[in-house]
Amino acid sequence: MSLASDSIAAQFEPLFAQLERERELSDAIREKAKDLDRLYRSLSSLLNSVHSNKGSEFAKIAERSLPLWSQVRAKVAELAELIPEDGFYRWCDEFSQPLRNLTSSIALIVLFWAWAR
């Protein structure tokens, strides 16, 4: 009986290994998405200071966001390295919300720059 169970376990070993690799990839992608969300929260906090400043300060607020954007670019590049070439649609639910939030922040910064001109 143990010979049969060893044979069955051996047949499923590649499947278990593949599932483990996918779980590790999912965890890594989720962690990068959390990093992006943390950066968005920092950026959002900075951009929300427009409510307590005059319109003439908007360009300065946008300028103060630039160091955060270099971090965002680096984190997005790290995330892009993790995603398999043909796996975008499989994994996009893990990181789409932080990317949407960051995109809206970009639009707000562009608006601030336009306002300052």
PDB file of N, CA and C in Angstrom:
ATOM      1  N   MET A   1       0.811  -1.190   0.000  1.00  0.00           N
ATOM      2  CA  MET A   1       0.000   0.000   0.000  1.00  0.00           C
ATOM      3  C   MET A   1       0.860   1.261   0.000  1.00  0.00           C
ATOM      4  N   SER A   2       1.959   1.246   0.736  1.00  0.00           N
ATOM      5  CA  SER A   2       2.808   2.431   0.761  1.00  0.00           C
ATOM      6  C   SER A   2       3.481   2.663  -0.583  1.00  0.00           C
ATOM      7  N   LEU A   3       3.715   1.603  -1.323  1.00  0.00           N
ATOM      8  CA  LEU A   3       4.290   1.742  -2.659  1.00  0.00           C
ATOM      9  C   LEU A   3       3.328   2.485  -3.577  1.00  0.00           C
ATOM     10  N   ALA A   4       2.045   2.176  -3.474  1.00  0.00           N
ATOM     11  CA  ALA A   4       1.033   2.860  -4.290  1.00  0.00           C
ATOM     12  C   ALA A   4       0.912   4.322  -3.888  1.00  0.00           C
ATOM     13  N   SER A   5       0.932   4.598  -2.594  1.00  0.00           N
ATOM     14  CA  SER A   5       0.815   5.997  -2.155  1.00  0.00           C
ATOM     15  C   SER A   5       2.061   6.793  -2.527  1.00  0.00           C
ATOM     16  N   ASP A   6       3.232   6.161  -2.490  1.00  0.00           N
ATOM     17  CA  ASP A   6       4.455   6.835  -2.930  1.00  0.00           C
ATOM     18  C   ASP A   6       4.387   7.155  -4.416  1.00  0.00           C
ATOM     19  N   SER A   7       3.820   6.238  -5.187  1.00  0.00           N
ATOM     20  CA  SER A   7       3.682   6.443  -6.627  1.00  0.00           C
ATOM     21  C   SER A   7       2.729   7.603  -6.925  1.00  0.00           C
ATOM     22  N   ILE A   8       1.636   7.655  -6.190  1.00  0.00           N
ATOM     23  CA  ILE A   8       0.669   8.749  -6.380  1.00  0.00           C
ATOM     24  C   ILE A   8       1.297  10.078  -5.978  1.00  0.00           C
ATOM     25  N   ALA A   9       1.987  10.100  -4.855  1.00  0.00           N
ATOM     26  CA  ALA A   9       2.645  11.331  -4.405  1.00  0.00           C
ATOM     27  C   ALA A   9       3.678  11.790  -5.425  1.00  0.00           C
ATOM     28  N   ALA A  10       4.399  10.850  -6.005  1.00  0.00           N
ATOM     29  CA  ALA A  10       5.406  11.203  -7.009  1.00  0.00           C
ATOM     30  C   ALA A  10       4.760  11.796  -8.252  1.00  0.00           C
ATOM     31  N   GLN A  11       3.577  11.315  -8.591  1.00  0.00           N
ATOM     32  CA  GLN A  11       2.883  11.857  -9.760  1.00  0.00           C
ATOM     33  C   GLN A  11       2.426  13.297  -9.526  1.00  0.00           C
ATOM     34  N   PHE A  12       2.059  13.600  -8.301  1.00  0.00           N
ATOM     35  CA  PHE A  12       1.556  14.941  -8.000  1.00  0.00           C
ATOM     36  C   PHE A  12       2.657  15.918  -7.574  1.00  0.00           C
ATOM     37  N   GLU A  13       3.853  15.431  -7.394  1.00  0.00           N
ATOM     38  CA  GLU A  13       4.954  16.297  -6.948  1.00  0.00           C
ATOM     39  C   GLU A  13       5.182  17.497  -7.872  1.00  0.00           C
ATOM     40  N   PRO A  14       5.209  17.330  -9.205  1.00  0.00           N
ATOM     41  CA  PRO A  14       5.382  18.508 -10.073  1.00  0.00           C
ATOM     42  C   PRO A  14       4.244  19.526  -9.925  1.00  0.00           C
ATOM     43  N   LEU A  15       3.032  19.039  -9.736  1.00  0.00           N
ATOM     44  CA  LEU A  15       1.895  19.943  -9.542  1.00  0.00           C
ATOM     45  C   LEU A  15       2.050  20.726  -8.249  1.00  0.00           C
ATOM     46  N   PHE A  16       2.439  20.049  -7.178  1.00  0.00           N
ATOM     47  CA  PHE A  16       2.642  20.726  -5.901  1.00  0.00           C
ATOM     48  C   PHE A  16       3.752  21.771  -6.003  1.00  0.00           C
ATOM     49  N   ALA A  17       4.807  21.442  -6.716  1.00  0.00           N
ATOM     50  CA  ALA A  17       5.910  22.393  -6.899  1.00  0.00           C
ATOM     51  C   ALA A  17       5.447  23.616  -7.687  1.00  0.00           C
ATOM     52  N   GLN A  18       4.648  23.392  -8.721  1.00  0.00           N
ATOM     53  CA  GLN A  18       4.128  24.516  -9.509  1.00  0.00           C
ATOM     54  C   GLN A  18       3.201  25.387  -8.672  1.00  0.00           C
ATOM     55  N   LEU A  19       2.340  24.774  -7.880  1.00  0.00           N
ATOM     56  CA  LEU A  19       1.441  25.541  -7.013  1.00  0.00           C
ATOM     57  C   LEU A  19       2.224  26.358  -5.989  1.00  0.00           C
ATOM     58  N   GLU A  20       3.291  25.790  -5.472  1.00  0.00           N
ATOM     59  CA  GLU A  20       4.124  26.513  -4.504  1.00  0.00           C
ATOM     60  C   GLU A  20       4.805  27.712  -5.162  1.00  0.00           C
ATOM     61  N   ARG A  21       5.311  27.543  -6.387  1.00  0.00           N
ATOM     62  CA  ARG A  21       5.934  28.664  -7.106  1.00  0.00           C
ATOM     63  C   ARG A  21       4.913  29.771  -7.366  1.00  0.00           C
ATOM     64  N   GLU A  22       3.699  29.389  -7.734  1.00  0.00           N
ATOM     65  CA  GLU A  22       2.657  30.386  -7.986  1.00  0.00           C
ATOM     66  C   GLU A  22       2.266  31.117  -6.707  1.00  0.00           C
ATOM     67  N   ARG A  23       2.232  30.406  -5.592  1.00  0.00           N
ATOM     68  CA  ARG A  23       1.918  31.051  -4.319  1.00  0.00           C
ATOM     69  C   ARG A  23       3.011  32.050  -3.946  1.00  0.00           C
ATOM     70  N   GLU A  24       4.259  31.663  -4.149  1.00  0.00           N
ATOM     71  CA  GLU A  24       5.372  32.568  -3.858  1.00  0.00           C
ATOM     72  C   GLU A  24       5.324  33.796  -4.757  1.00  0.00           C
ATOM     73  N   LEU A  25       4.999  33.606  -6.034  1.00  0.00           N
ATOM     74  CA  LEU A  25       4.874  34.732  -6.958  1.00  0.00           C
ATOM     75  C   LEU A  25       3.727  35.638  -6.536  1.00  0.00           C
ATOM     76  N   SER A  26       2.612  35.049  -6.156  1.00  0.00           N
ATOM     77  CA  SER A  26       1.461  35.829  -5.703  1.00  0.00           C
ATOM     78  C   SER A  26       1.819  36.660  -4.476  1.00  0.00           C
ATOM     79  N   ASP A  27       2.531  36.062  -3.533  1.00  0.00           N
ATOM     80  CA  ASP A  27       2.949  36.791  -2.334  1.00  0.00           C
ATOM     81  C   ASP A  27       3.885  37.942  -2.683  1.00  0.00           C
ATOM     82  N   ALA A  28       4.813  37.702  -3.599  1.00  0.00           N
ATOM     83  CA  ALA A  28       5.758  38.749  -3.999  1.00  0.00           C
ATOM     84  C   ALA A  28       5.035  39.892  -4.710  1.00  0.00           C
ATOM     85  N   ILE A  29       4.095  39.565  -5.587  1.00  0.00           N
ATOM     86  CA  ILE A  29       3.330  40.604  -6.293  1.00  0.00           C
ATOM     87  C   ILE A  29       2.482  41.391  -5.307  1.00  0.00           C
ATOM     88  N   ARG A  30       1.856  40.695  -4.385  1.00  0.00           N
ATOM     89  CA  ARG A  30       1.033  41.367  -3.379  1.00  0.00           C
ATOM     90  C   ARG A  30       1.880  42.314  -2.522  1.00  0.00           C
ATOM     91  N   GLU A  31       3.090  41.901  -2.191  1.00  0.00           N
ATOM     92  CA  GLU A  31       3.973  42.759  -1.389  1.00  0.00           C
ATOM     93  C   GLU A  31       4.363  44.017  -2.165  1.00  0.00           C
ATOM     94  N   LYS A  32       4.657  43.879  -3.454  1.00  0.00           N
ATOM     95  CA  LYS A  32       4.974  45.058  -4.278  1.00  0.00           C
ATOM     96  C   LYS A  32       3.758  45.970  -4.394  1.00  0.00           C
ATOM     97  N   ALA A  33       2.569  45.380  -4.488  1.00  0.00           N
ATOM     98  CA  ALA A  33       1.348  46.190  -4.543  1.00  0.00           C
ATOM     99  C   ALA A  33       1.159  46.957  -3.240  1.00  0.00           C
ATOM    100  N   LYS A  34       1.496  46.332  -2.115  1.00  0.00           N
ATOM    101  CA  LYS A  34       1.410  47.032  -0.828  1.00  0.00           C
ATOM    102  C   LYS A  34       2.407  48.186  -0.779  1.00  0.00           C
ATOM    103  N   ASP A  35       3.598  47.966  -1.331  1.00  0.00           N
ATOM    104  CA  ASP A  35       4.588  49.049  -1.390  1.00  0.00           C
ATOM    105  C   ASP A  35       4.053  50.220  -2.210  1.00  0.00           C
ATOM    106  N   LEU A  36       3.429  49.919  -3.345  1.00  0.00           N
ATOM    107  CA  LEU A  36       2.843  50.980  -4.175  1.00  0.00           C
ATOM    108  C   LEU A  36       1.725  51.696  -3.428  1.00  0.00           C
ATOM    109  N   ASP A  37       0.933  50.944  -2.685  1.00  0.00           N
ATOM    110  CA  ASP A  37      -0.150  51.559  -1.923  1.00  0.00           C
ATOM    111  C   ASP A  37       0.403  52.471  -0.832  1.00  0.00           C
ATOM    112  N   ARG A  38       1.483  52.071  -0.183  1.00  0.00           N
ATOM    113  CA  ARG A  38       2.111  52.931   0.834  1.00  0.00           C
ATOM    114  C   ARG A  38       2.614  54.231   0.201  1.00  0.00           C
ATOM    115  N   LEU A  39       3.226  54.110  -0.966  1.00  0.00           N
ATOM    116  CA  LEU A  39       3.695  55.309  -1.661  1.00  0.00           C
ATOM    117  C   LEU A  39       2.521  56.198  -2.057  1.00  0.00           C
ATOM    118  N   TYR A  40       1.425  55.585  -2.502  1.00  0.00           N
ATOM    119  CA  TYR A  40       0.239  56.372  -2.846  1.00  0.00           C
ATOM    120  C   TYR A  40      -0.274  57.122  -1.623  1.00  0.00           C
ATOM    121  N   ARG A  41      -0.299  56.480  -0.482  1.00  0.00           N
ATOM    122  CA  ARG A  41      -0.792  57.136   0.733  1.00  0.00           C
ATOM    123  C   ARG A  41       0.097  58.321   1.114  1.00  0.00           C
ATOM    124  N   SER A  42       1.399  58.156   0.979  1.00  0.00           N
ATOM    125  CA  SER A  42       2.316  59.275   1.246  1.00  0.00           C
ATOM    126  C   SER A  42       2.075  60.410   0.266  1.00  0.00           C
ATOM    127  N   LEU A  43       1.919  60.059  -0.983  1.00  0.00           N
ATOM    128  CA  LEU A  43       1.676  61.052  -2.024  1.00  0.00           C
ATOM    129  C   LEU A  43       0.335  61.742  -1.814  1.00  0.00           C
ATOM    130  N   SER A  44      -0.667  60.973  -1.474  1.00  0.00           N
ATOM    131  CA  SER A  44      -1.996  61.526  -1.238  1.00  0.00           C
ATOM    132  C   SER A  44      -1.978  62.496  -0.064  1.00  0.00           C
ATOM    133  N   SER A  45      -1.265  62.140   0.971  1.00  0.00           N
ATOM    134  CA  SER A  45      -1.142  63.026   2.128  1.00  0.00           C
ATOM    135  C   SER A  45      -0.497  64.349   1.729  1.00  0.00           C
ATOM    136  N   LEU A  46       0.528  64.270   0.921  1.00  0.00           N
ATOM    137  CA  LEU A  46       1.196  65.484   0.445  1.00  0.00           C
ATOM    138  C   LEU A  46       0.262  66.307  -0.435  1.00  0.00           C
ATOM    139  N   LEU A  47      -0.423  65.655  -1.353  1.00  0.00           N
ATOM    140  CA  LEU A  47      -1.299  66.378  -2.279  1.00  0.00           C
ATOM    141  C   LEU A  47      -2.527  66.962  -1.579  1.00  0.00           C
ATOM    142  N   ASN A  48      -2.953  66.350  -0.497  1.00  0.00           N
ATOM    143  CA  ASN A  48      -4.096  66.884   0.241  1.00  0.00           C
ATOM    144  C   ASN A  48      -3.780  68.195   0.949  1.00  0.00           C
ATOM    145  N   SER A  49      -2.513  68.544   1.010  1.00  0.00           N
ATOM    146  CA  SER A  49      -2.158  69.823   1.628  1.00  0.00           C
ATOM    147  C   SER A  49      -2.621  71.008   0.788  1.00  0.00           C
ATOM    148  N   VAL A  50      -3.103  70.768  -0.431  1.00  0.00           N
ATOM    149  CA  VAL A  50      -3.630  71.877  -1.244  1.00  0.00           C
ATOM    150  C   VAL A  50      -4.832  72.514  -0.569  1.00  0.00           C
ATOM    151  N   HIS A  51      -5.528  71.767   0.263  1.00  0.00           N
ATOM    152  CA  HIS A  51      -6.726  72.292   0.913  1.00  0.00           C
ATOM    153  C   HIS A  51      -6.396  73.338   1.970  1.00  0.00           C
ATOM    154  N   SER A  52      -5.154  73.370   2.408  1.00  0.00           N
ATOM    155  CA  SER A  52      -4.762  74.355   3.418  1.00  0.00           C
ATOM    156  C   SER A  52      -3.737  75.352   2.875  1.00  0.00           C
ATOM    157  N   ASN A  53      -3.602  75.422   1.560  1.00  0.00           N
ATOM    158  CA  ASN A  53      -2.666  76.358   0.930  1.00  0.00           C
ATOM    159  C   ASN A  53      -3.376  77.173  -0.135  1.00  0.00           C
ATOM    160  N   LYS A  54      -2.732  78.249  -0.499  1.00  0.00           N
ATOM    161  CA  LYS A  54      -3.264  79.097  -1.568  1.00  0.00           C
ATOM    162  C   LYS A  54      -2.918  78.482  -2.923  1.00  0.00           C
ATOM    163  N   GLY A  55      -3.624  78.923  -3.948  1.00  0.00           N
ATOM    164  CA  GLY A  55      -3.390  78.429  -5.298  1.00  0.00           C
ATOM    165  C   GLY A  55      -1.974  78.659  -5.781  1.00  0.00           C
ATOM    166  N   SER A  56      -1.348  79.717  -5.283  1.00  0.00           N
ATOM    167  CA  SER A  56       0.022  80.003  -5.700  1.00  0.00           C
ATOM    168  C   SER A  56       1.015  78.963  -5.171  1.00  0.00           C
ATOM    169  N   GLU A  57       0.608  78.165  -4.201  1.00  0.00           N
ATOM    170  CA  GLU A  57       1.478  77.143  -3.615  1.00  0.00           C
ATOM    171  C   GLU A  57       1.366  75.792  -4.315  1.00  0.00           C
ATOM    172  N   PHE A  58       0.425  75.650  -5.242  1.00  0.00           N
ATOM    173  CA  PHE A  58       0.179  74.354  -5.868  1.00  0.00           C
ATOM    174  C   PHE A  58       1.414  73.815  -6.583  1.00  0.00           C
ATOM    175  N   ALA A  59       2.137  74.673  -7.271  1.00  0.00           N
ATOM    176  CA  ALA A  59       3.332  74.215  -7.991  1.00  0.00           C
ATOM    177  C   ALA A  59       4.389  73.691  -7.017  1.00  0.00           C
ATOM    178  N   LYS A  60       4.512  74.330  -5.860  1.00  0.00           N
ATOM    179  CA  LYS A  60       5.482  73.865  -4.860  1.00  0.00           C
ATOM    180  C   LYS A  60       5.080  72.500  -4.307  1.00  0.00           C
ATOM    181  N   ILE A  61       3.788  72.317  -4.129  1.00  0.00           N
ATOM    182  CA  ILE A  61       3.305  71.023  -3.648  1.00  0.00           C
ATOM    183  C   ILE A  61       3.608  69.944  -4.684  1.00  0.00           C
ATOM    184  N   ALA A  62       3.344  70.248  -5.937  1.00  0.00           N
ATOM    185  CA  ALA A  62       3.641  69.289  -7.010  1.00  0.00           C
ATOM    186  C   ALA A  62       5.138  69.005  -7.070  1.00  0.00           C
ATOM    187  N   GLU A  63       5.936  70.021  -6.867  1.00  0.00           N
ATOM    188  CA  GLU A  63       7.394  69.848  -6.897  1.00  0.00           C
ATOM    189  C   GLU A  63       7.871  68.955  -5.753  1.00  0.00           C
ATOM    190  N   ARG A  64       7.239  69.090  -4.590  1.00  0.00           N
ATOM    191  CA  ARG A  64       7.619  68.252  -3.446  1.00  0.00           C
ATOM    192  C   ARG A  64       7.255  66.789  -3.664  1.00  0.00           C
ATOM    193  N   SER A  65       6.371  66.532  -4.615  1.00  0.00           N
ATOM    194  CA  SER A  65       5.978  65.143  -4.890  1.00  0.00           C
ATOM    195  C   SER A  65       6.984  64.418  -5.784  1.00  0.00           C
ATOM    196  N   LEU A  66       7.877  65.152  -6.416  1.00  0.00           N
ATOM    197  CA  LEU A  66       8.804  64.536  -7.376  1.00  0.00           C
ATOM    198  C   LEU A  66       9.681  63.428  -6.778  1.00  0.00           C
ATOM    199  N   PRO A  67      10.238  63.594  -5.566  1.00  0.00           N
ATOM    200  CA  PRO A  67      11.031  62.484  -5.009  1.00  0.00           C
ATOM    201  C   PRO A  67      10.213  61.206  -4.808  1.00  0.00           C
ATOM    202  N   LEU A  68       8.948  61.371  -4.451  1.00  0.00           N
ATOM    203  CA  LEU A  68       8.097  60.191  -4.294  1.00  0.00           C
ATOM    204  C   LEU A  68       7.889  59.483  -5.627  1.00  0.00           C
ATOM    205  N   TRP A  69       7.819  60.264  -6.709  1.00  0.00           N
ATOM    206  CA  TRP A  69       7.590  59.652  -8.022  1.00  0.00           C
ATOM    207  C   TRP A  69       8.775  58.823  -8.477  1.00  0.00           C
ATOM    208  N   SER A  70       9.974  59.195  -8.076  1.00  0.00           N
ATOM    209  CA  SER A  70      11.116  58.351  -8.437  1.00  0.00           C
ATOM    210  C   SER A  70      11.020  57.007  -7.710  1.00  0.00           C
ATOM    211  N   GLN A  71      10.523  57.027  -6.480  1.00  0.00           N
ATOM    212  CA  GLN A  71      10.308  55.774  -5.753  1.00  0.00           C
ATOM    213  C   GLN A  71       9.196  54.947  -6.401  1.00  0.00           C
ATOM    214  N   VAL A  72       8.130  55.631  -6.839  1.00  0.00           N
ATOM    215  CA  VAL A  72       7.025  54.933  -7.503  1.00  0.00           C
ATOM    216  C   VAL A  72       7.530  54.255  -8.773  1.00  0.00           C
ATOM    217  N   ARG A  73       8.308  54.976  -9.563  1.00  0.00           N
ATOM    218  CA  ARG A  73       8.839  54.388 -10.801  1.00  0.00           C
ATOM    219  C   ARG A  73       9.680  53.144 -10.503  1.00  0.00           C
ATOM    220  N   ALA A  74      10.495  53.226  -9.462  1.00  0.00           N
ATOM    221  CA  ALA A  74      11.333  52.080  -9.102  1.00  0.00           C
ATOM    222  C   ALA A  74      10.476  50.885  -8.679  1.00  0.00           C
ATOM    223  N   LYS A  75       9.442  51.138  -7.891  1.00  0.00           N
ATOM    224  CA  LYS A  75       8.570  50.044  -7.435  1.00  0.00           C
ATOM    225  C   LYS A  75       7.772  49.442  -8.587  1.00  0.00           C
ATOM    226  N   VAL A  76       7.322  50.276  -9.514  1.00  0.00           N
ATOM    227  CA  VAL A  76       6.601  49.758 -10.681  1.00  0.00           C
ATOM    228  C   VAL A  76       7.542  48.903 -11.529  1.00  0.00           C
ATOM    229  N   ALA A  77       8.790  49.324 -11.660  1.00  0.00           N
ATOM    230  CA  ALA A  77       9.766  48.525 -12.414  1.00  0.00           C
ATOM    231  C   ALA A  77      10.003  47.174 -11.731  1.00  0.00           C
ATOM    232  N   GLU A  78      10.092  47.179 -10.407  1.00  0.00           N
ATOM    233  CA  GLU A  78      10.260  45.920  -9.674  1.00  0.00           C
ATOM    234  C   GLU A  78       9.044  45.014  -9.872  1.00  0.00           C
ATOM    235  N   LEU A  79       7.866  45.609  -9.834  1.00  0.00           N
ATOM    236  CA  LEU A  79       6.643  44.840 -10.058  1.00  0.00           C
ATOM    237  C   LEU A  79       6.615  44.261 -11.467  1.00  0.00           C
ATOM    238  N   ALA A  80       7.006  45.058 -12.442  1.00  0.00           N
ATOM    239  CA  ALA A  80       6.999  44.601 -13.838  1.00  0.00           C
ATOM    240  C   ALA A  80       7.940  43.416 -14.035  1.00  0.00           C
ATOM    241  N   GLU A  81       9.040  43.395 -13.305  1.00  0.00           N
ATOM    242  CA  GLU A  81       9.971  42.267 -13.410  1.00  0.00           C
ATOM    243  C   GLU A  81       9.363  40.974 -12.876  1.00  0.00           C
ATOM    244  N   LEU A  82       8.454  41.095 -11.914  1.00  0.00           N
ATOM    245  CA  LEU A  82       7.844  39.904 -11.321  1.00  0.00           C
ATOM    246  C   LEU A  82       6.775  39.267 -12.203  1.00  0.00           C
ATOM    247  N   ILE A  83       6.079  40.086 -12.978  1.00  0.00           N
ATOM    248  CA  ILE A  83       4.945  39.598 -13.761  1.00  0.00           C
ATOM    249  C   ILE A  83       5.463  38.779 -14.944  1.00  0.00           C
ATOM    250  N   PRO A  84       5.017  37.541 -15.073  1.00  0.00           N
ATOM    251  CA  PRO A  84       5.426  36.745 -16.240  1.00  0.00           C
ATOM    252  C   PRO A  84       4.971  37.414 -17.538  1.00  0.00           C
ATOM    253  N   GLU A  85       5.705  37.186 -18.597  1.00  0.00           N
ATOM    254  CA  GLU A  85       5.448  37.861 -19.872  1.00  0.00           C
ATOM    255  C   GLU A  85       4.011  37.679 -20.344  1.00  0.00           C
ATOM    256  N   ASP A  86       3.469  36.516 -20.166  1.00  0.00           N
ATOM    257  CA  ASP A  86       2.100  36.274 -20.625  1.00  0.00           C
ATOM    258  C   ASP A  86       1.100  36.218 -19.464  1.00  0.00           C
ATOM    259  N   GLY A  87       1.465  36.785 -18.315  1.00  0.00           N
ATOM    260  CA  GLY A  87       0.618  36.649 -17.130  1.00  0.00           C
ATOM    261  C   GLY A  87      -0.013  37.918 -16.617  1.00  0.00           C
ATOM    262  N   PHE A  88      -0.025  38.982 -17.418  1.00  0.00           N
ATOM    263  CA  PHE A  88      -0.561  40.249 -16.924  1.00  0.00           C
ATOM    264  C   PHE A  88      -2.003  40.102 -16.447  1.00  0.00           C
ATOM    265  N   TYR A  89      -2.860  39.546 -17.287  1.00  0.00           N
ATOM    266  CA  TYR A  89      -4.279  39.473 -16.942  1.00  0.00           C
ATOM    267  C   TYR A  89      -4.555  38.497 -15.803  1.00  0.00           C
ATOM    268  N   ARG A  90      -3.662  37.570 -15.607  1.00  0.00           N
ATOM    269  CA  ARG A  90      -3.838  36.643 -14.487  1.00  0.00           C
ATOM    270  C   ARG A  90      -3.555  37.324 -13.155  1.00  0.00           C
ATOM    271  N   TRP A  91      -2.577  38.244 -13.144  1.00  0.00           N
ATOM    272  CA  TRP A  91      -2.127  38.832 -11.893  1.00  0.00           C
ATOM    273  C   TRP A  91      -2.561  40.276 -11.695  1.00  0.00           C
ATOM    274  N   CYS A  92      -3.201  40.888 -12.674  1.00  0.00           N
ATOM    275  CA  CYS A  92      -3.474  42.330 -12.604  1.00  0.00           C
ATOM    276  C   CYS A  92      -4.401  42.726 -11.454  1.00  0.00           C
ATOM    277  N   ASP A  93      -5.242  41.828 -10.981  1.00  0.00           N
ATOM    278  CA  ASP A  93      -6.117  42.176  -9.861  1.00  0.00           C
ATOM    279  C   ASP A  93      -5.334  42.431  -8.578  1.00  0.00           C
ATOM    280  N   GLU A  94      -4.132  41.903  -8.503  1.00  0.00           N
ATOM    281  CA  GLU A  94      -3.309  42.095  -7.309  1.00  0.00           C
ATOM    282  C   GLU A  94      -2.795  43.530  -7.176  1.00  0.00           C
ATOM    283  N   PHE A  95      -2.609  44.216  -8.304  1.00  0.00           N
ATOM    284  CA  PHE A  95      -1.963  45.525  -8.252  1.00  0.00           C
ATOM    285  C   PHE A  95      -2.721  46.627  -8.980  1.00  0.00           C
ATOM    286  N   SER A  96      -3.881  46.347  -9.530  1.00  0.00           N
ATOM    287  CA  SER A  96      -4.573  47.361 -10.335  1.00  0.00           C
ATOM    288  C   SER A  96      -5.069  48.544  -9.506  1.00  0.00           C
ATOM    289  N   GLN A  97      -5.537  48.306  -8.285  1.00  0.00           N
ATOM    290  CA  GLN A  97      -6.051  49.422  -7.478  1.00  0.00           C
ATOM    291  C   GLN A  97      -4.952  50.426  -7.116  1.00  0.00           C
ATOM    292  N   PRO A  98      -3.797  49.989  -6.621  1.00  0.00           N
ATOM    293  CA  PRO A  98      -2.744  50.977  -6.358  1.00  0.00           C
ATOM    294  C   PRO A  98      -2.319  51.737  -7.617  1.00  0.00           C
ATOM    295  N   LEU A  99      -2.286  51.066  -8.765  1.00  0.00           N
ATOM    296  CA  LEU A  99      -1.923  51.763 -10.003  1.00  0.00           C
ATOM    297  C   LEU A  99      -2.985  52.787 -10.392  1.00  0.00           C
ATOM    298  N   ARG A 100      -4.259  52.455 -10.192  1.00  0.00           N
ATOM    299  CA  ARG A 100      -5.330  53.425 -10.469  1.00  0.00           C
ATOM    300  C   ARG A 100      -5.196  54.645  -9.569  1.00  0.00           C
ATOM    301  N   ASN A 101      -4.932  54.406  -8.299  1.00  0.00           N
ATOM    302  CA  ASN A 101      -4.770  55.518  -7.359  1.00  0.00           C
ATOM    303  C   ASN A 101      -3.598  56.409  -7.757  1.00  0.00           C
ATOM    304  N   LEU A 102      -2.495  55.792  -8.122  1.00  0.00           N
ATOM    305  CA  LEU A 102      -1.324  56.569  -8.527  1.00  0.00           C
ATOM    306  C   LEU A 102      -1.589  57.343  -9.811  1.00  0.00           C
ATOM    307  N   THR A 103      -2.350  56.763 -10.716  1.00  0.00           N
ATOM    308  CA  THR A 103      -2.691  57.454 -11.958  1.00  0.00           C
ATOM    309  C   THR A 103      -3.524  58.694 -11.674  1.00  0.00           C
ATOM    310  N   SER A 104      -4.452  58.594 -10.743  1.00  0.00           N
ATOM    311  CA  SER A 104      -5.249  59.778 -10.401  1.00  0.00           C
ATOM    312  C   SER A 104      -4.376  60.845  -9.746  1.00  0.00           C
ATOM    313  N   SER A 105      -3.367  60.429  -9.004  1.00  0.00           N
ATOM    314  CA  SER A 105      -2.442  61.400  -8.412  1.00  0.00           C
ATOM    315  C   SER A 105      -1.621  62.103  -9.485  1.00  0.00           C
ATOM    316  N   ILE A 106      -1.226  61.364 -10.508  1.00  0.00           N
ATOM    317  CA  ILE A 106      -0.496  61.976 -11.625  1.00  0.00           C
ATOM    318  C   ILE A 106      -1.364  63.041 -12.278  1.00  0.00           C
ATOM    319  N   ALA A 107      -2.627  62.717 -12.497  1.00  0.00           N
ATOM    320  CA  ALA A 107      -3.540  63.688 -13.114  1.00  0.00           C
ATOM    321  C   ALA A 107      -3.667  64.932 -12.247  1.00  0.00           C
ATOM    322  N   LEU A 108      -3.731  64.756 -10.946  1.00  0.00           N
ATOM    323  CA  LEU A 108      -3.835  65.897 -10.040  1.00  0.00           C
ATOM    324  C   LEU A 108      -2.570  66.754 -10.082  1.00  0.00           C
ATOM    325  N   ILE A 109      -1.424  66.128 -10.150  1.00  0.00           N
ATOM    326  CA  ILE A 109      -0.165  66.883 -10.225  1.00  0.00           C
ATOM    327  C   ILE A 109      -0.086  67.659 -11.530  1.00  0.00           C
ATOM    328  N   VAL A 110      -0.492  67.042 -12.630  1.00  0.00           N
ATOM    329  CA  VAL A 110      -0.515  67.753 -13.915  1.00  0.00           C
ATOM    330  C   VAL A 110      -1.446  68.955 -13.816  1.00  0.00           C
ATOM    331  N   LEU A 111      -2.569  68.778 -13.151  1.00  0.00           N
ATOM    332  CA  LEU A 111      -3.499  69.887 -12.947  1.00  0.00           C
ATOM    333  C   LEU A 111      -2.853  70.998 -12.121  1.00  0.00           C
ATOM    334  N   PHE A 112      -2.104  70.631 -11.097  1.00  0.00           N
ATOM    335  CA  PHE A 112      -1.407  71.638 -10.279  1.00  0.00           C
ATOM    336  C   PHE A 112      -0.395  72.413 -11.113  1.00  0.00           C
ATOM    337  N   TRP A 113       0.361  71.700 -11.954  1.00  0.00           N
ATOM    338  CA  TRP A 113       1.343  72.375 -12.804  1.00  0.00           C
ATOM    339  C   TRP A 113       0.637  73.330 -13.759  1.00  0.00           C
ATOM    340  N   ALA A 114      -0.475  72.893 -14.322  1.00  0.00           N
ATOM    341  CA  ALA A 114      -1.229  73.752 -15.245  1.00  0.00           C
ATOM    342  C   ALA A 114      -1.800  74.956 -14.507  1.00  0.00           C
ATOM    343  N   TRP A 115      -2.255  74.762 -13.300  1.00  0.00           N
ATOM    344  CA  TRP A 115      -2.818  75.847 -12.490  1.00  0.00           C
ATOM    345  C   TRP A 115      -1.759  76.911 -12.203  1.00  0.00           C
ATOM    346  N   ALA A 116      -0.528  76.461 -12.004  1.00  0.00           N
ATOM    347  CA  ALA A 116       0.549  77.378 -11.631  1.00  0.00           C
ATOM    348  C   ALA A 116       1.011  78.247 -12.792  1.00  0.00           C
ATOM    349  N   ARG A 117       0.691  77.876 -13.995  1.00  0.00           N
ATOM    350  CA  ARG A 117       1.163  78.646 -15.155  1.00  0.00           C
ATOM    351  C   ARG A 117       0.336  79.853 -15.392  1.00  0.00           C
TER     352      ARG A 117
END
